[in-house]
Amino acid sequence: MHSAAAERTDTIDPSLADAVIDLVLRGMWRGTQESVHRPLVDAGLAMVKGPMVLPTESAKQAAAQMLRVPAGSGQEAQITAVYEAFLPVNRKIREVCTAWQCRPDGSVNDHGDSVYDAEVREQLEDVHEAIQPVLRRLERLLADSGRYLTGLEEALDRFDDGDRQWLASPLCDSYHTVWMRLHQELLLVLGISRAEDEAREEQLVRGSHG
């Protein structure tokens, strides 16, 4: 049973706030020590399923409340502009990750074709160049958001060192994993649902092609 503290997001123990936000942005923890996740489980903010620790609905609500910038504020308007610049690039990173995992004919990419892989890497470079100015704008508006560009660059370096998992694996802080956390934080900061997000991305992508 959830504790009363977990039922009301405004009464969550402040010492758990950073952990709650991290868990919600990541979507899950894997392989964490019990001493790390036990306080969240005891507070009704996390649940353990096998090797994974997942956020509860109370945790998601708490993170949304803690991250949301004031509606109608100048900060919200400025971050919304950054978010709308992010969305078309977001479409491109999905396409890059799909191309890395699957060939155009739908077959699995076994990475035996170095020319094809090099073409995907060039597409990834285009994405990385496009997202950098977007993230630098965000850094001026949102505390601690500089960690996203750092995380993307670290993942890219590891990928270029020959470790393929650092592009799209969910089991490490891969390029795609860091990107997904960035995306999730933008949605929570602005109070945007996934359905609204998908519709807005489609609108912006179509507009850029019009």
N, C-alpha and C. Protein backbone atom coordinates (compact mmCIF):
# COMPACT_ATOMS: atom_id res chain seq x y z
N MET A 1 0.85 -1.20 0.00
CA MET A 1 0.00 0.00 0.00
C MET A 1 0.88 1.24 0.00
N HIS A 2 0.51 2.24 -0.82
CA HIS A 2 1.27 3.47 -0.87
C HIS A 2 1.11 4.25 0.43
N SER A 3 2.16 4.93 0.82
CA SER A 3 2.07 5.79 2.00
C SER A 3 1.33 7.06 1.64
N ALA A 4 0.89 7.80 2.67
CA ALA A 4 0.20 9.06 2.43
C ALA A 4 1.10 10.03 1.70
N ALA A 5 2.41 9.96 1.99
CA ALA A 5 3.35 10.88 1.32
C ALA A 5 3.39 10.63 -0.16
N ALA A 6 3.21 9.37 -0.56
CA ALA A 6 3.26 9.06 -1.98
C ALA A 6 1.99 9.45 -2.70
N GLU A 7 0.89 9.56 -1.95
CA GLU A 7 -0.38 9.90 -2.58
C GLU A 7 -0.47 11.38 -2.93
N ARG A 8 0.28 12.22 -2.21
CA ARG A 8 0.26 13.65 -2.48
C ARG A 8 1.66 14.08 -2.90
N THR A 9 1.78 14.53 -4.14
CA THR A 9 3.10 14.86 -4.65
C THR A 9 3.74 16.01 -3.91
N ASP A 10 2.94 16.86 -3.25
CA ASP A 10 3.53 18.01 -2.58
C ASP A 10 4.08 17.66 -1.20
N THR A 11 3.94 16.40 -0.78
CA THR A 11 4.47 16.01 0.52
C THR A 11 5.55 14.94 0.40
N ILE A 12 6.10 14.75 -0.78
CA ILE A 12 7.19 13.79 -0.96
C ILE A 12 8.43 14.27 -0.24
N ASP A 13 9.12 13.35 0.39
CA ASP A 13 10.36 13.66 1.09
C ASP A 13 11.32 14.35 0.12
N PRO A 14 11.75 15.57 0.42
CA PRO A 14 12.66 16.29 -0.49
C PRO A 14 13.94 15.51 -0.80
N SER A 15 14.36 14.65 0.12
CA SER A 15 15.59 13.89 -0.11
C SER A 15 15.42 12.86 -1.22
N LEU A 16 14.17 12.56 -1.59
CA LEU A 16 13.91 11.59 -2.65
C LEU A 16 13.66 12.25 -4.00
N ALA A 17 13.57 13.57 -4.03
CA ALA A 17 13.15 14.28 -5.23
C ALA A 17 14.05 13.99 -6.43
N ASP A 18 15.35 14.11 -6.25
CA ASP A 18 16.27 13.90 -7.39
C ASP A 18 16.18 12.48 -7.91
N ALA A 19 16.06 11.52 -7.00
CA ALA A 19 15.98 10.12 -7.42
C ALA A 19 14.68 9.85 -8.17
N VAL A 20 13.58 10.45 -7.70
CA VAL A 20 12.29 10.27 -8.38
C VAL A 20 12.37 10.83 -9.80
N ILE A 21 12.91 12.02 -9.94
CA ILE A 21 13.01 12.63 -11.27
C ILE A 21 13.90 11.78 -12.18
N ASP A 22 15.02 11.31 -11.66
CA ASP A 22 15.92 10.49 -12.47
C ASP A 22 15.24 9.21 -12.93
N LEU A 23 14.53 8.55 -12.03
CA LEU A 23 13.85 7.31 -12.38
C LEU A 23 12.77 7.54 -13.43
N VAL A 24 12.01 8.61 -13.27
CA VAL A 24 10.93 8.89 -14.23
C VAL A 24 11.51 9.25 -15.60
N LEU A 25 12.56 10.05 -15.63
CA LEU A 25 13.14 10.44 -16.91
C LEU A 25 13.77 9.24 -17.62
N ARG A 26 14.37 8.34 -16.85
CA ARG A 26 14.97 7.15 -17.45
C ARG A 26 13.92 6.12 -17.84
N GLY A 27 12.81 6.11 -17.11
CA GLY A 27 11.78 5.11 -17.37
C GLY A 27 11.96 3.85 -16.56
N MET A 28 13.21 3.55 -16.21
CA MET A 28 13.50 2.40 -15.36
C MET A 28 14.95 2.48 -14.90
N TRP A 29 15.22 1.81 -13.82
CA TRP A 29 16.60 1.54 -13.40
C TRP A 29 16.82 0.05 -13.55
N ARG A 30 18.02 -0.31 -13.89
CA ARG A 30 18.36 -1.73 -14.01
C ARG A 30 19.66 -1.99 -13.25
N GLY A 31 19.62 -2.98 -12.36
CA GLY A 31 20.83 -3.37 -11.65
C GLY A 31 21.24 -2.43 -10.53
N THR A 32 20.32 -1.62 -10.02
CA THR A 32 20.68 -0.73 -8.92
C THR A 32 20.75 -1.50 -7.61
N GLN A 33 21.56 -1.03 -6.69
CA GLN A 33 21.64 -1.65 -5.38
C GLN A 33 20.36 -1.36 -4.60
N GLU A 34 19.98 -2.30 -3.74
CA GLU A 34 18.74 -2.14 -2.99
C GLU A 34 18.76 -0.88 -2.14
N SER A 35 19.92 -0.50 -1.65
CA SER A 35 20.01 0.70 -0.81
C SER A 35 19.62 1.96 -1.59
N VAL A 36 19.73 1.89 -2.92
CA VAL A 36 19.38 3.04 -3.76
C VAL A 36 17.88 3.11 -3.98
N HIS A 37 17.27 1.97 -4.32
CA HIS A 37 15.85 2.03 -4.67
C HIS A 37 14.89 1.73 -3.52
N ARG A 38 15.38 1.15 -2.44
CA ARG A 38 14.48 0.78 -1.34
C ARG A 38 13.71 1.97 -0.78
N PRO A 39 14.34 3.15 -0.56
CA PRO A 39 13.55 4.29 -0.04
C PRO A 39 12.39 4.67 -0.96
N LEU A 40 12.59 4.57 -2.28
CA LEU A 40 11.51 4.89 -3.21
C LEU A 40 10.41 3.84 -3.15
N VAL A 41 10.81 2.58 -3.06
CA VAL A 41 9.82 1.50 -2.97
C VAL A 41 9.00 1.66 -1.70
N ASP A 42 9.67 1.93 -0.59
CA ASP A 42 8.97 2.08 0.69
C ASP A 42 8.01 3.27 0.68
N ALA A 43 8.32 4.28 -0.12
CA ALA A 43 7.46 5.47 -0.20
C ALA A 43 6.38 5.33 -1.26
N GLY A 44 6.32 4.17 -1.92
CA GLY A 44 5.31 3.97 -2.95
C GLY A 44 5.62 4.67 -4.25
N LEU A 45 6.90 4.99 -4.46
CA LEU A 45 7.30 5.74 -5.66
C LEU A 45 7.99 4.87 -6.69
N ALA A 46 8.26 3.62 -6.35
CA ALA A 46 8.91 2.70 -7.28
C ALA A 46 8.45 1.29 -6.98
N MET A 47 8.56 0.44 -8.00
CA MET A 47 8.24 -0.98 -7.82
C MET A 47 9.32 -1.79 -8.52
N VAL A 48 9.62 -2.93 -7.94
CA VAL A 48 10.67 -3.80 -8.47
C VAL A 48 10.04 -4.93 -9.26
N LYS A 49 10.51 -5.10 -10.49
CA LYS A 49 10.06 -6.21 -11.33
C LYS A 49 11.30 -6.90 -11.88
N GLY A 50 11.66 -8.01 -11.27
CA GLY A 50 12.87 -8.71 -11.67
C GLY A 50 14.08 -7.81 -11.48
N PRO A 51 14.91 -7.65 -12.53
CA PRO A 51 16.10 -6.80 -12.39
C PRO A 51 15.81 -5.31 -12.57
N MET A 52 14.54 -4.98 -12.82
CA MET A 52 14.20 -3.59 -13.13
C MET A 52 13.47 -2.91 -11.97
N VAL A 53 13.71 -1.62 -11.84
CA VAL A 53 12.96 -0.77 -10.91
C VAL A 53 12.19 0.23 -11.75
N LEU A 54 10.88 0.25 -11.59
CA LEU A 54 10.01 1.10 -12.40
C LEU A 54 9.33 2.16 -11.55
N PRO A 55 9.07 3.34 -12.11
CA PRO A 55 8.36 4.37 -11.35
C PRO A 55 6.88 4.03 -11.26
N THR A 56 6.27 4.35 -10.13
CA THR A 56 4.83 4.20 -9.98
C THR A 56 4.14 5.45 -10.55
N GLU A 57 2.82 5.39 -10.62
CA GLU A 57 2.07 6.56 -11.08
C GLU A 57 2.30 7.75 -10.15
N SER A 58 2.44 7.47 -8.85
CA SER A 58 2.70 8.56 -7.90
C SER A 58 4.02 9.24 -8.22
N ALA A 59 5.03 8.44 -8.59
CA ALA A 59 6.33 9.01 -8.94
C ALA A 59 6.22 9.86 -10.20
N LYS A 60 5.48 9.37 -11.18
CA LYS A 60 5.32 10.12 -12.43
C LYS A 60 4.62 11.45 -12.18
N GLN A 61 3.60 11.42 -11.34
CA GLN A 61 2.88 12.65 -11.02
C GLN A 61 3.78 13.62 -10.26
N ALA A 62 4.58 13.08 -9.35
CA ALA A 62 5.47 13.93 -8.56
C ALA A 62 6.52 14.58 -9.45
N ALA A 63 7.11 13.80 -10.36
CA ALA A 63 8.12 14.35 -11.26
C ALA A 63 7.52 15.42 -12.16
N ALA A 64 6.32 15.16 -12.65
CA ALA A 64 5.66 16.15 -13.51
C ALA A 64 5.42 17.45 -12.77
N GLN A 65 5.02 17.34 -11.51
CA GLN A 65 4.76 18.54 -10.71
C GLN A 65 6.05 19.29 -10.42
N MET A 66 7.11 18.56 -10.10
CA MET A 66 8.38 19.21 -9.74
C MET A 66 9.04 19.88 -10.94
N LEU A 67 8.89 19.29 -12.12
CA LEU A 67 9.59 19.81 -13.30
C LEU A 67 8.81 20.88 -14.05
N ARG A 68 7.51 20.91 -13.89
CA ARG A 68 6.67 21.82 -14.69
C ARG A 68 7.02 23.28 -14.43
N VAL A 69 7.30 24.01 -15.50
CA VAL A 69 7.52 25.45 -15.36
C VAL A 69 6.15 26.13 -15.33
N PRO A 70 6.06 27.33 -14.78
CA PRO A 70 4.76 28.00 -14.66
C PRO A 70 4.08 28.17 -16.02
N ALA A 71 2.84 27.72 -16.09
CA ALA A 71 2.06 27.84 -17.32
C ALA A 71 1.84 29.32 -17.65
N GLY A 72 2.03 29.66 -18.91
CA GLY A 72 1.82 31.03 -19.35
C GLY A 72 2.98 31.96 -19.07
N SER A 73 4.06 31.43 -18.51
CA SER A 73 5.22 32.27 -18.17
C SER A 73 6.11 32.51 -19.38
N GLY A 74 6.98 33.49 -19.26
CA GLY A 74 7.95 33.74 -20.31
C GLY A 74 8.89 32.56 -20.48
N GLN A 75 9.23 31.92 -19.36
CA GLN A 75 10.10 30.75 -19.43
C GLN A 75 9.45 29.63 -20.24
N GLU A 76 8.16 29.42 -20.02
CA GLU A 76 7.45 28.39 -20.77
C GLU A 76 7.48 28.71 -22.27
N ALA A 77 7.26 29.96 -22.62
CA ALA A 77 7.25 30.35 -24.03
C ALA A 77 8.62 30.12 -24.67
N GLN A 78 9.68 30.45 -23.94
CA GLN A 78 11.02 30.28 -24.49
C GLN A 78 11.38 28.80 -24.64
N ILE A 79 11.01 27.99 -23.65
CA ILE A 79 11.31 26.56 -23.74
C ILE A 79 10.46 25.90 -24.81
N THR A 80 9.24 26.38 -24.99
CA THR A 80 8.39 25.86 -26.06
C THR A 80 9.03 26.08 -27.42
N ALA A 81 9.65 27.24 -27.61
CA ALA A 81 10.33 27.51 -28.87
C ALA A 81 11.49 26.54 -29.09
N VAL A 82 12.21 26.22 -28.02
CA VAL A 82 13.30 25.25 -28.11
C VAL A 82 12.74 23.86 -28.43
N TYR A 83 11.67 23.51 -27.75
CA TYR A 83 11.02 22.22 -27.97
C TYR A 83 10.58 22.06 -29.43
N GLU A 84 10.04 23.12 -30.00
CA GLU A 84 9.59 23.04 -31.39
C GLU A 84 10.76 22.95 -32.36
N ALA A 85 11.91 23.48 -31.96
CA ALA A 85 13.12 23.29 -32.78
C ALA A 85 13.66 21.87 -32.62
N PHE A 86 13.41 21.28 -31.47
CA PHE A 86 13.87 19.92 -31.18
C PHE A 86 13.10 18.87 -31.98
N LEU A 87 11.81 19.06 -32.15
CA LEU A 87 10.96 18.00 -32.70
C LEU A 87 11.37 17.52 -34.10
N PRO A 88 11.65 18.39 -35.06
CA PRO A 88 12.07 17.87 -36.37
C PRO A 88 13.36 17.06 -36.30
N VAL A 89 14.27 17.44 -35.40
CA VAL A 89 15.51 16.68 -35.23
C VAL A 89 15.20 15.34 -34.56
N ASN A 90 14.21 15.35 -33.69
CA ASN A 90 13.78 14.12 -33.03
C ASN A 90 13.33 13.08 -34.05
N ARG A 91 12.62 13.53 -35.07
CA ARG A 91 12.20 12.61 -36.13
C ARG A 91 13.43 12.00 -36.81
N LYS A 92 14.45 12.81 -37.01
CA LYS A 92 15.65 12.34 -37.71
C LYS A 92 16.42 11.32 -36.90
N ILE A 93 16.50 11.50 -35.57
CA ILE A 93 17.26 10.53 -34.78
C ILE A 93 16.54 9.19 -34.77
N ARG A 94 15.22 9.19 -34.80
CA ARG A 94 14.50 7.92 -34.89
C ARG A 94 14.82 7.22 -36.20
N GLU A 95 14.88 7.99 -37.27
CA GLU A 95 15.20 7.41 -38.57
C GLU A 95 16.61 6.85 -38.60
N VAL A 96 17.54 7.55 -37.96
CA VAL A 96 18.93 7.07 -37.91
C VAL A 96 19.02 5.76 -37.13
N CYS A 97 18.36 5.70 -35.98
CA CYS A 97 18.42 4.48 -35.17
C CYS A 97 17.76 3.31 -35.89
N THR A 98 16.67 3.58 -36.59
CA THR A 98 16.02 2.53 -37.38
C THR A 98 16.95 2.04 -38.48
N ALA A 99 17.61 2.97 -39.16
CA ALA A 99 18.53 2.60 -40.24
C ALA A 99 19.72 1.80 -39.71
N TRP A 100 20.15 2.11 -38.50
CA TRP A 100 21.28 1.38 -37.91
C TRP A 100 20.90 -0.05 -37.58
N GLN A 101 19.65 -0.25 -37.20
CA GLN A 101 19.21 -1.57 -36.78
C GLN A 101 18.65 -2.40 -37.93
N CYS A 102 18.10 -1.75 -38.95
CA CYS A 102 17.46 -2.46 -40.07
C CYS A 102 17.89 -1.88 -41.41
N ARG A 103 18.07 -2.75 -42.37
CA ARG A 103 18.38 -2.33 -43.73
C ARG A 103 17.11 -1.78 -44.39
N PRO A 104 17.24 -1.05 -45.50
CA PRO A 104 16.05 -0.50 -46.17
C PRO A 104 15.02 -1.55 -46.57
N ASP A 105 15.47 -2.80 -46.79
CA ASP A 105 14.52 -3.85 -47.18
C ASP A 105 13.85 -4.51 -45.97
N GLY A 106 14.16 -4.00 -44.76
CA GLY A 106 13.54 -4.53 -43.56
C GLY A 106 14.35 -5.61 -42.86
N SER A 107 15.41 -6.07 -43.49
CA SER A 107 16.24 -7.10 -42.87
C SER A 107 17.12 -6.49 -41.78
N VAL A 108 17.54 -7.33 -40.85
CA VAL A 108 18.38 -6.86 -39.74
C VAL A 108 19.74 -6.43 -40.28
N ASN A 109 20.22 -5.31 -39.81
CA ASN A 109 21.56 -4.86 -40.20
C ASN A 109 22.59 -5.65 -39.40
N ASP A 110 23.32 -6.51 -40.09
CA ASP A 110 24.35 -7.31 -39.40
C ASP A 110 25.70 -6.61 -39.38
N HIS A 111 25.73 -5.39 -39.88
CA HIS A 111 26.92 -4.54 -39.88
C HIS A 111 28.06 -5.13 -40.70
N GLY A 112 27.68 -5.95 -41.67
CA GLY A 112 28.69 -6.51 -42.57
C GLY A 112 29.01 -5.59 -43.73
N ASP A 113 28.20 -4.56 -43.92
CA ASP A 113 28.39 -3.62 -45.03
C ASP A 113 28.92 -2.31 -44.45
N SER A 114 30.22 -2.13 -44.52
CA SER A 114 30.84 -0.95 -43.91
C SER A 114 30.42 0.34 -44.61
N VAL A 115 30.12 0.26 -45.90
CA VAL A 115 29.69 1.46 -46.63
C VAL A 115 28.33 1.92 -46.11
N TYR A 116 27.42 0.97 -45.93
CA TYR A 116 26.09 1.31 -45.41
C TYR A 116 26.21 1.90 -44.00
N ASP A 117 27.00 1.28 -43.15
CA ASP A 117 27.16 1.78 -41.78
C ASP A 117 27.77 3.18 -41.77
N ALA A 118 28.69 3.43 -42.69
CA ALA A 118 29.31 4.75 -42.76
C ALA A 118 28.28 5.80 -43.18
N GLU A 119 27.36 5.43 -44.04
CA GLU A 119 26.30 6.36 -44.45
C GLU A 119 25.39 6.70 -43.27
N VAL A 120 25.09 5.69 -42.45
CA VAL A 120 24.26 5.93 -41.26
C VAL A 120 25.01 6.85 -40.30
N ARG A 121 26.32 6.62 -40.17
CA ARG A 121 27.12 7.47 -39.27
C ARG A 121 27.11 8.92 -39.76
N GLU A 122 27.12 9.13 -41.06
CA GLU A 122 27.04 10.49 -41.59
C GLU A 122 25.70 11.14 -41.25
N GLN A 123 24.64 10.34 -41.31
CA GLN A 123 23.32 10.85 -40.94
C GLN A 123 23.28 11.22 -39.45
N LEU A 124 23.94 10.40 -38.64
CA LEU A 124 24.02 10.69 -37.21
C LEU A 124 24.78 11.99 -36.97
N GLU A 125 25.82 12.23 -37.75
CA GLU A 125 26.58 13.47 -37.62
C GLU A 125 25.70 14.68 -37.93
N ASP A 126 24.85 14.54 -38.94
CA ASP A 126 23.92 15.63 -39.28
C ASP A 126 22.99 15.92 -38.10
N VAL A 127 22.51 14.85 -37.47
CA VAL A 127 21.63 15.01 -36.31
C VAL A 127 22.37 15.70 -35.17
N HIS A 128 23.59 15.25 -34.93
CA HIS A 128 24.36 15.81 -33.81
C HIS A 128 24.65 17.29 -34.03
N GLU A 129 24.96 17.65 -35.25
CA GLU A 129 25.21 19.07 -35.55
C GLU A 129 23.93 19.89 -35.39
N ALA A 130 22.80 19.30 -35.76
CA ALA A 130 21.52 20.02 -35.67
C ALA A 130 21.06 20.22 -34.23
N ILE A 131 21.35 19.25 -33.36
CA ILE A 131 20.83 19.34 -31.99
C ILE A 131 21.70 20.24 -31.11
N GLN A 132 22.94 20.45 -31.46
CA GLN A 132 23.82 21.24 -30.58
C GLN A 132 23.31 22.66 -30.33
N PRO A 133 22.96 23.44 -31.35
CA PRO A 133 22.45 24.79 -31.05
C PRO A 133 21.13 24.77 -30.28
N VAL A 134 20.32 23.74 -30.49
CA VAL A 134 19.06 23.62 -29.76
C VAL A 134 19.36 23.43 -28.27
N LEU A 135 20.31 22.55 -27.96
CA LEU A 135 20.62 22.29 -26.56
C LEU A 135 21.33 23.46 -25.91
N ARG A 136 22.10 24.20 -26.67
CA ARG A 136 22.75 25.38 -26.08
C ARG A 136 21.72 26.44 -25.72
N ARG A 137 20.68 26.54 -26.52
CA ARG A 137 19.58 27.45 -26.16
C ARG A 137 18.89 26.97 -24.89
N LEU A 138 18.69 25.66 -24.79
CA LEU A 138 18.02 25.10 -23.62
C LEU A 138 18.83 25.32 -22.35
N GLU A 139 20.15 25.23 -22.46
CA GLU A 139 21.02 25.40 -21.29
C GLU A 139 20.80 26.75 -20.62
N ARG A 140 20.46 27.76 -21.41
CA ARG A 140 20.25 29.10 -20.85
C ARG A 140 18.90 29.24 -20.16
N LEU A 141 18.04 28.25 -20.36
CA LEU A 141 16.67 28.35 -19.86
C LEU A 141 16.32 27.34 -18.78
N LEU A 142 17.03 26.21 -18.77
CA LEU A 142 16.64 25.11 -17.89
C LEU A 142 17.86 24.61 -17.13
N ALA A 143 17.77 24.66 -15.81
CA ALA A 143 18.89 24.26 -14.96
C ALA A 143 19.33 22.83 -15.23
N ASP A 144 20.62 22.62 -15.26
CA ASP A 144 21.24 21.29 -15.39
C ASP A 144 21.02 20.62 -16.74
N SER A 145 20.42 21.31 -17.71
CA SER A 145 20.16 20.66 -18.99
C SER A 145 21.44 20.50 -19.82
N GLY A 146 22.53 21.11 -19.39
CA GLY A 146 23.79 20.92 -20.10
C GLY A 146 24.27 19.48 -20.08
N ARG A 147 23.73 18.69 -19.14
CA ARG A 147 24.15 17.29 -19.06
C ARG A 147 23.74 16.50 -20.29
N TYR A 148 22.74 16.98 -21.01
CA TYR A 148 22.29 16.23 -22.18
C TYR A 148 23.30 16.29 -23.32
N LEU A 149 23.82 17.46 -23.61
CA LEU A 149 24.83 17.55 -24.67
C LEU A 149 26.08 16.78 -24.27
N THR A 150 26.46 16.87 -23.00
CA THR A 150 27.61 16.11 -22.51
C THR A 150 27.37 14.62 -22.69
N GLY A 151 26.18 14.15 -22.32
CA GLY A 151 25.86 12.73 -22.45
C GLY A 151 25.85 12.26 -23.88
N LEU A 152 25.31 13.08 -24.78
CA LEU A 152 25.29 12.71 -26.20
C LEU A 152 26.71 12.62 -26.76
N GLU A 153 27.55 13.56 -26.38
CA GLU A 153 28.92 13.56 -26.89
C GLU A 153 29.71 12.37 -26.35
N GLU A 154 29.49 12.03 -25.09
CA GLU A 154 30.17 10.87 -24.52
C GLU A 154 29.73 9.59 -25.22
N ALA A 155 28.44 9.46 -25.47
CA ALA A 155 27.93 8.27 -26.17
C ALA A 155 28.48 8.20 -27.59
N LEU A 156 28.55 9.35 -28.26
CA LEU A 156 29.06 9.38 -29.62
C LEU A 156 30.53 8.98 -29.66
N ASP A 157 31.30 9.43 -28.68
CA ASP A 157 32.71 9.05 -28.61
C ASP A 157 32.87 7.54 -28.44
N ARG A 158 32.06 6.96 -27.58
CA ARG A 158 32.14 5.51 -27.35
C ARG A 158 31.72 4.74 -28.60
N PHE A 159 30.70 5.26 -29.27
CA PHE A 159 30.24 4.63 -30.51
C PHE A 159 31.35 4.67 -31.56
N ASP A 160 32.00 5.81 -31.68
CA ASP A 160 33.08 5.95 -32.66
C ASP A 160 34.31 5.14 -32.29
N ASP A 161 34.42 4.77 -31.01
CA ASP A 161 35.51 3.90 -30.59
C ASP A 161 35.25 2.44 -30.96
N GLY A 162 34.07 2.18 -31.54
CA GLY A 162 33.79 0.84 -32.04
C GLY A 162 32.78 0.04 -31.25
N ASP A 163 32.22 0.62 -30.19
CA ASP A 163 31.23 -0.11 -29.39
C ASP A 163 29.84 0.25 -29.91
N ARG A 164 29.25 -0.63 -30.70
CA ARG A 164 28.01 -0.32 -31.41
C ARG A 164 26.82 -0.05 -30.50
N GLN A 165 26.84 -0.62 -29.29
CA GLN A 165 25.67 -0.45 -28.42
C GLN A 165 25.45 1.00 -28.02
N TRP A 166 26.47 1.85 -28.17
CA TRP A 166 26.35 3.22 -27.69
C TRP A 166 25.55 4.13 -28.61
N LEU A 167 25.01 3.58 -29.68
CA LEU A 167 24.07 4.36 -30.48
C LEU A 167 22.64 4.20 -29.98
N ALA A 168 22.18 2.96 -29.81
CA ALA A 168 20.75 2.78 -29.57
C ALA A 168 20.39 1.78 -28.47
N SER A 169 21.35 1.21 -27.78
CA SER A 169 21.01 0.22 -26.76
C SER A 169 20.32 0.86 -25.56
N PRO A 170 19.25 0.23 -25.05
CA PRO A 170 18.60 0.73 -23.84
C PRO A 170 19.32 0.29 -22.56
N LEU A 171 20.37 -0.50 -22.70
CA LEU A 171 21.05 -1.07 -21.54
C LEU A 171 22.23 -0.22 -21.06
N CYS A 172 22.48 0.89 -21.74
CA CYS A 172 23.54 1.80 -21.32
C CYS A 172 23.08 3.23 -21.63
N ASP A 173 23.88 4.20 -21.25
CA ASP A 173 23.53 5.60 -21.55
C ASP A 173 23.91 5.92 -22.99
N SER A 174 23.31 5.16 -23.91
CA SER A 174 23.58 5.33 -25.33
C SER A 174 23.05 6.67 -25.83
N TYR A 175 23.41 6.99 -27.06
CA TYR A 175 22.95 8.25 -27.67
C TYR A 175 21.43 8.33 -27.62
N HIS A 176 20.77 7.26 -28.01
CA HIS A 176 19.31 7.25 -28.03
C HIS A 176 18.72 7.31 -26.62
N THR A 177 19.36 6.65 -25.67
CA THR A 177 18.88 6.67 -24.29
C THR A 177 18.93 8.07 -23.71
N VAL A 178 20.05 8.76 -23.91
CA VAL A 178 20.18 10.15 -23.43
C VAL A 178 19.15 11.03 -24.12
N TRP A 179 18.97 10.80 -25.41
CA TRP A 179 18.00 11.59 -26.19
C TRP A 179 16.59 11.40 -25.65
N MET A 180 16.24 10.18 -25.32
CA MET A 180 14.90 9.91 -24.80
C MET A 180 14.66 10.61 -23.46
N ARG A 181 15.69 10.66 -22.62
CA ARG A 181 15.55 11.37 -21.35
C ARG A 181 15.34 12.86 -21.58
N LEU A 182 16.09 13.42 -22.52
CA LEU A 182 15.91 14.82 -22.89
C LEU A 182 14.48 15.07 -23.35
N HIS A 183 13.98 14.22 -24.21
CA HIS A 183 12.62 14.36 -24.74
C HIS A 183 11.60 14.30 -23.61
N GLN A 184 11.78 13.33 -22.73
CA GLN A 184 10.84 13.18 -21.61
C GLN A 184 10.85 14.40 -20.70
N GLU A 185 12.03 14.95 -20.46
CA GLU A 185 12.08 16.13 -19.59
C GLU A 185 11.37 17.32 -20.25
N LEU A 186 11.55 17.50 -21.54
CA LEU A 186 10.86 18.59 -22.22
C LEU A 186 9.35 18.45 -22.09
N LEU A 187 8.85 17.23 -22.23
CA LEU A 187 7.41 17.02 -22.12
C LEU A 187 6.90 17.35 -20.72
N LEU A 188 7.65 16.94 -19.70
CA LEU A 188 7.21 17.19 -18.33
C LEU A 188 7.34 18.67 -17.97
N VAL A 189 8.40 19.29 -18.43
CA VAL A 189 8.61 20.71 -18.15
C VAL A 189 7.47 21.55 -18.73
N LEU A 190 6.98 21.14 -19.90
CA LEU A 190 5.95 21.91 -20.59
C LEU A 190 4.54 21.36 -20.38
N GLY A 191 4.42 20.22 -19.71
CA GLY A 191 3.10 19.65 -19.47
C GLY A 191 2.43 19.16 -20.74
N ILE A 192 3.22 18.55 -21.63
CA ILE A 192 2.71 18.08 -22.93
C ILE A 192 2.56 16.56 -22.90
N SER A 193 1.42 16.06 -23.34
CA SER A 193 1.20 14.62 -23.38
C SER A 193 1.90 14.02 -24.60
N ARG A 194 2.06 12.70 -24.58
CA ARG A 194 2.67 12.02 -25.72
C ARG A 194 1.84 12.19 -26.99
N ALA A 195 0.53 12.15 -26.84
CA ALA A 195 -0.33 12.31 -28.01
C ALA A 195 -0.16 13.71 -28.61
N GLU A 196 -0.13 14.72 -27.75
CA GLU A 196 0.08 16.09 -28.22
C GLU A 196 1.46 16.24 -28.86
N ASP A 197 2.43 15.58 -28.27
CA ASP A 197 3.80 15.62 -28.78
C ASP A 197 3.88 15.04 -30.19
N GLU A 198 3.28 13.89 -30.38
CA GLU A 198 3.32 13.24 -31.70
C GLU A 198 2.62 14.10 -32.75
N ALA A 199 1.49 14.68 -32.37
CA ALA A 199 0.76 15.51 -33.32
C ALA A 199 1.55 16.76 -33.68
N ARG A 200 2.20 17.36 -32.69
CA ARG A 200 2.96 18.58 -32.97
C ARG A 200 4.19 18.27 -33.82
N GLU A 201 4.83 17.15 -33.55
CA GLU A 201 5.99 16.77 -34.37
C GLU A 201 5.58 16.58 -35.82
N GLU A 202 4.48 15.87 -36.03
CA GLU A 202 4.01 15.63 -37.40
C GLU A 202 3.70 16.95 -38.10
N GLN A 203 3.08 17.85 -37.37
CA GLN A 203 2.73 19.15 -37.95
C GLN A 203 3.99 19.93 -38.35
N LEU A 204 4.99 19.92 -37.48
CA LEU A 204 6.22 20.67 -37.75
C LEU A 204 7.02 20.03 -38.89
N VAL A 205 7.06 18.71 -38.92
CA VAL A 205 7.81 18.03 -39.98
C VAL A 205 7.14 18.27 -41.33
N ARG A 206 5.81 18.18 -41.35
CA ARG A 206 5.09 18.44 -42.60
C ARG A 206 5.29 19.88 -43.05
N GLY A 207 5.28 20.80 -42.08
CA GLY A 207 5.48 22.20 -42.42
C GLY A 207 6.85 22.47 -43.00
N SER A 208 7.86 21.76 -42.49
CA SER A 208 9.22 21.98 -42.99
C SER A 208 9.40 21.41 -44.39
N HIS A 209 8.51 20.46 -44.76
CA HIS A 209 8.59 19.86 -46.09
C HIS A 209 7.65 20.54 -47.08
N GLY A 210 6.85 21.48 -46.56
CA GLY A 210 5.86 22.12 -47.41
C GLY A 210 6.44 23.20 -48.30
